[in-house]
Protein backbone atom coordinates (compact mmCIF):
# COMPACT_ATOMS: atom_id res chain seq x y z
CA UNK A 1 0.00 0.00 0.00
CA UNK A 2 2.03 2.92 -1.35
CA UNK A 3 0.01 5.64 0.39
CA UNK A 4 -0.66 3.67 3.57
CA UNK A 5 1.33 3.38 6.79
CA UNK A 6 4.48 1.27 7.01
CA UNK A 7 5.87 -0.84 9.84
CA UNK A 8 9.33 0.08 11.13
CA UNK A 9 11.87 -2.70 11.57
CA UNK A 10 12.75 -3.68 15.13
CA UNK A 11 16.14 -1.94 15.20
CA UNK A 12 14.78 1.35 13.87
CA UNK A 13 11.75 1.19 16.19
CA UNK A 14 13.94 0.60 19.27
CA UNK A 15 16.22 3.50 18.36
CA UNK A 16 13.21 5.79 17.88
CA UNK A 17 11.72 4.86 21.26
CA UNK A 18 14.99 5.65 23.04
CA UNK A 19 15.25 9.00 21.24
CA UNK A 20 11.66 9.95 22.04
CA UNK A 21 12.19 9.31 25.77
CA UNK A 22 14.53 12.34 25.76
CA UNK A 23 11.98 14.65 24.11
CA UNK A 24 9.41 16.32 26.40
CA UNK A 25 5.74 15.68 25.69
CA UNK A 26 3.70 18.70 24.57
CA UNK A 27 0.05 19.04 25.62
CA UNK A 28 -2.12 19.15 22.50
CA UNK A 29 -3.65 22.51 23.50
CA UNK A 30 -0.12 24.05 23.47
CA UNK A 31 0.99 22.72 20.09
CA UNK A 32 1.99 25.48 17.67
CA UNK A 33 1.49 25.23 13.94
CA UNK A 34 4.53 23.93 12.01
CA UNK A 35 6.19 22.79 15.25
CA UNK A 36 7.97 19.43 15.46
CA UNK A 37 6.52 17.95 18.65
CA UNK A 38 5.80 14.79 20.61
CA UNK A 39 2.22 14.37 21.78
CA UNK A 40 0.54 11.46 23.53
CA UNK A 41 -3.10 10.64 24.03
CA UNK A 42 -5.92 8.15 23.91
CA UNK A 43 -6.94 6.87 20.49
CA UNK A 44 -10.45 7.47 19.17
CA UNK A 45 -12.12 7.20 15.76
CA UNK A 46 -14.64 9.42 14.01
CA UNK A 47 -16.16 6.39 12.31
CA UNK A 48 -16.45 2.63 12.79
CA UNK A 49 -13.32 0.53 13.35
CA UNK A 50 -11.88 -1.68 10.63
CA UNK A 51 -11.44 -5.45 10.84
CA UNK A 52 -7.91 -6.77 11.31
CA UNK A 53 -7.13 -8.99 8.30
CA UNK A 54 -6.33 -12.30 10.04
CA UNK A 55 -8.51 -12.35 13.16
CA UNK A 56 -11.21 -9.90 12.15
CA UNK A 57 -10.81 -8.07 15.47
CA UNK A 58 -11.98 -4.42 15.40
CA UNK A 59 -9.10 -1.95 15.30
CA UNK A 60 -8.04 1.49 14.14
CA UNK A 61 -4.72 0.61 12.44
CA UNK A 62 -3.15 -2.75 11.56
CA UNK A 63 0.01 -4.29 10.16
CA UNK A 64 0.20 -7.98 9.25
CA UNK A 65 3.14 -10.20 8.36
CA UNK A 66 2.27 -13.79 7.53
CA UNK A 67 3.70 -16.96 6.03
CA UNK A 68 2.53 -20.48 5.36
CA UNK A 69 4.43 -23.44 6.84
CA UNK A 70 3.79 -27.17 6.60
CA UNK A 71 4.06 -29.56 9.55
CA UNK A 72 5.67 -33.00 9.39
CA UNK A 73 3.23 -35.77 8.39
CA UNK A 74 3.52 -37.35 11.85
CA UNK A 75 2.10 -34.25 13.54
CA UNK A 76 -1.62 -34.45 14.30
CA UNK A 77 -3.64 -31.45 15.55
CA UNK A 78 -5.92 -31.85 18.53
CA UNK A 79 -9.14 -31.33 16.61
CA UNK A 80 -11.28 -31.65 19.73
CA UNK A 81 -9.87 -28.39 21.11
CA UNK A 82 -11.69 -25.11 20.40
CA UNK A 83 -10.20 -23.23 17.46
CA UNK A 84 -8.91 -20.41 19.66
CA UNK A 85 -7.04 -22.90 21.85
CA UNK A 86 -5.46 -24.64 18.86
CA UNK A 87 -3.62 -21.42 17.99
CA UNK A 88 -0.16 -21.72 19.47
CA UNK A 89 3.21 -20.03 19.30
CA UNK A 90 5.48 -23.11 19.14
CA UNK A 91 7.10 -24.13 15.84
CA UNK A 92 8.09 -27.73 16.56
CA UNK A 93 7.65 -30.56 14.06
CA UNK A 94 7.99 -28.33 11.01
CA UNK A 95 8.42 -30.17 7.72
CA UNK A 96 12.00 -29.26 6.73
CA UNK A 97 11.57 -30.12 3.04
CA UNK A 98 8.71 -27.68 2.53
CA UNK A 99 9.96 -24.07 2.69
CA UNK A 100 7.76 -21.42 4.23
CA UNK A 101 5.90 -19.15 1.82
CA UNK A 102 5.86 -15.50 2.85
CA UNK A 103 2.74 -13.48 2.10
CA UNK A 104 2.95 -9.75 1.29
CA UNK A 105 2.91 -7.43 4.29
CA UNK A 106 -0.35 -5.53 4.76
CA UNK A 107 -0.89 -2.27 6.63
CA UNK A 108 -3.88 0.05 6.77
CA UNK A 109 -6.68 1.41 8.89
CA UNK A 110 -8.43 4.71 9.55
CA UNK A 111 -7.24 8.17 10.48
CA UNK A 112 -7.11 8.66 14.22
CA UNK A 113 -8.21 11.22 16.77
CA UNK A 114 -5.80 11.65 19.69
CA UNK A 115 -7.13 13.09 22.96
CA UNK A 116 -4.85 13.94 25.89
CA UNK A 117 -7.40 15.74 28.05
CA UNK A 118 -6.17 19.19 27.01
CA UNK A 119 -7.24 18.93 23.37
CA UNK A 120 -7.79 16.69 20.38
CA UNK A 121 -5.62 16.19 17.30
CA UNK A 122 -6.34 14.49 14.00
CA UNK A 123 -3.66 11.98 12.98
CA UNK A 124 -3.69 11.03 9.31
CA UNK A 125 -2.07 7.62 8.97
CA UNK A 126 -1.15 7.77 5.28
CA UNK A 127 2.64 7.23 4.92
CA UNK A 128 3.10 7.25 8.70
CA UNK A 129 5.82 5.06 10.23
CA UNK A 130 4.45 2.56 12.75
CA UNK A 131 6.27 1.30 15.83
CA UNK A 132 3.91 -1.42 17.08
CA UNK A 133 4.23 -4.18 19.68
CA UNK A 134 3.21 -7.83 19.40
CA UNK A 135 4.31 -11.43 18.89
CA UNK A 136 4.09 -14.05 16.18
CA UNK A 137 1.27 -16.57 16.42
CA UNK A 138 0.53 -19.89 14.69
CA UNK A 139 -2.86 -21.08 13.57
CA UNK A 140 -4.20 -24.05 11.60
CA UNK A 141 -4.81 -22.96 8.02
CA UNK A 142 -8.42 -24.16 8.22
CA UNK A 143 -9.05 -21.64 11.01
CA UNK A 144 -7.88 -18.79 8.75
CA UNK A 145 -9.54 -19.87 5.51
CA UNK A 146 -11.21 -16.48 4.80
CA UNK A 147 -7.85 -14.69 5.14
CA UNK A 148 -6.04 -17.19 2.91
CA UNK A 149 -8.74 -17.48 0.25
CA UNK A 150 -7.92 -14.13 -1.40
CA UNK A 151 -4.17 -14.27 -0.82
CA UNK A 152 -2.91 -17.71 -1.82
CA UNK A 153 -3.80 -20.70 -3.96
CA UNK A 154 -2.91 -23.11 -1.15
CA UNK A 155 -5.84 -25.19 0.07
CA UNK A 156 -6.24 -25.33 3.87
CA UNK A 157 -5.25 -28.72 5.27
CA UNK A 158 -4.45 -30.26 8.69
CA UNK A 159 -0.67 -30.09 8.07
CA UNK A 160 -0.63 -26.52 6.72
CA UNK A 161 -0.32 -23.66 9.20
CA UNK A 162 -0.32 -19.89 9.09
CA UNK A 163 2.35 -18.08 11.06
CA UNK A 164 1.36 -14.47 11.50
CA UNK A 165 2.12 -11.29 13.42
CA UNK A 166 -0.98 -9.12 13.45
CA UNK A 167 -0.20 -5.80 15.13
CA UNK A 168 -3.03 -3.38 15.83
CA UNK A 169 -3.85 -0.02 17.35
CA UNK A 170 -7.28 -0.06 18.98
CA UNK A 171 -9.56 2.74 20.20
CA UNK A 172 -8.95 3.60 23.84
CA UNK A 173 -5.26 2.74 23.97
CA UNK A 174 -2.40 5.21 24.42
CA UNK A 175 -0.34 6.29 21.44
CA UNK A 176 2.67 8.60 21.12
CA UNK A 177 2.83 10.68 17.94
CA UNK A 178 5.95 12.50 16.79
CA UNK A 179 5.81 14.78 13.79
CA UNK A 180 5.22 18.27 12.47
CA UNK A 181 1.91 19.80 13.48
CA UNK A 182 -0.45 21.86 11.38
CA UNK A 183 -3.93 23.27 11.84
CA UNK A 184 -7.01 22.59 9.74
CA UNK A 185 -10.69 23.45 9.81
CA UNK A 186 -12.55 21.57 12.54
CA UNK A 187 -15.78 20.06 11.18
CA UNK A 188 -17.08 19.59 14.74
CA UNK A 189 -15.87 22.60 16.77
CA UNK A 190 -16.63 22.76 20.51
CA UNK A 191 -19.70 24.75 21.50
CA UNK A 192 -17.83 26.40 24.34
CA UNK A 193 -14.42 26.39 25.96
CA UNK A 194 -11.39 28.47 26.80
CA UNK A 195 -10.19 28.94 23.21
CA UNK A 196 -10.77 32.16 21.27
CA UNK A 197 -13.61 32.19 18.74
CA UNK A 198 -11.34 31.67 15.71
CA UNK A 199 -9.13 29.01 17.34
CA UNK A 200 -12.20 27.01 18.37
CA UNK A 201 -12.86 26.34 14.68
CA UNK A 202 -9.43 24.92 13.99
CA UNK A 203 -7.94 21.65 15.13
CA UNK A 204 -4.42 20.33 15.43
CA UNK A 205 -3.46 17.80 12.78
CA UNK A 206 -0.47 15.57 12.04
CA UNK A 207 0.16 14.58 8.43
CA UNK A 208 3.20 12.80 6.98
CA UNK A 209 5.17 14.51 4.21
CA UNK A 210 8.38 13.56 2.35
CA UNK A 211 10.27 16.30 4.18
CA UNK A 212 8.56 15.68 7.52
CA UNK A 213 8.07 12.03 8.58
CA UNK A 214 5.31 11.09 11.01
CA UNK A 215 5.84 8.41 13.66
CA UNK A 216 3.16 6.51 15.58
CA UNK A 217 4.50 4.70 18.63
CA UNK A 218 2.42 2.16 20.56
CA UNK A 219 3.03 2.30 24.30
CA UNK A 220 0.95 -0.47 25.99
CA UNK A 221 0.66 1.59 29.18
CA UNK A 222 -2.40 2.80 31.09
CA UNK A 223 -1.33 6.38 31.97
CA UNK A 224 -0.07 9.19 29.75
CA UNK A 225 2.92 9.85 32.01
CA UNK A 226 3.87 6.19 32.49
CA UNK A 227 6.70 6.61 29.95
CA UNK A 228 8.91 9.56 29.11
């Protein structure tokens, strides 16, 4: 997805997180236009969430890496277990003669609204760099048939598994955004508040540009000040 967000590699993401810890957080109400700032807030959407590609879970932004692997013929799944419990993160008994088949990475979602209690900012995810957290999972191919149907010609079978890392940002979680701020017309201005008449009809926005990258960093914390 050329105009969509992109997932940072682990080394780059770690370096960014360390650098951002040294940059003070700016309250959204104090952000100046054209300023390069770090803001943090709770994620919200102005529309319905999207479905994550593999699991179908509702989310705001997603990135998915996936590959098909085949188990050795002697391996037998426990078909009496519920599908959710058959998903596992071990990779034993892989069939060494059948190489894994990587599927194209997918990333997408909806533009975000970030609220830190002092104000709200629109975060446009197109071309943003994502630093997301999560682990690889393994699932029987039959359990992920809808995902595989439009992405591969492989037929689901008991010995064929999908290894995947589905990373998501969901409404209500805390996100750090680092980029250059601008202001745009607010389609839903507040009816009252401390801002001047004209300012009340503008809202802070973060948009990626070739000369000004935009970074979205997932925190997995419960308080805005839990990290630097």
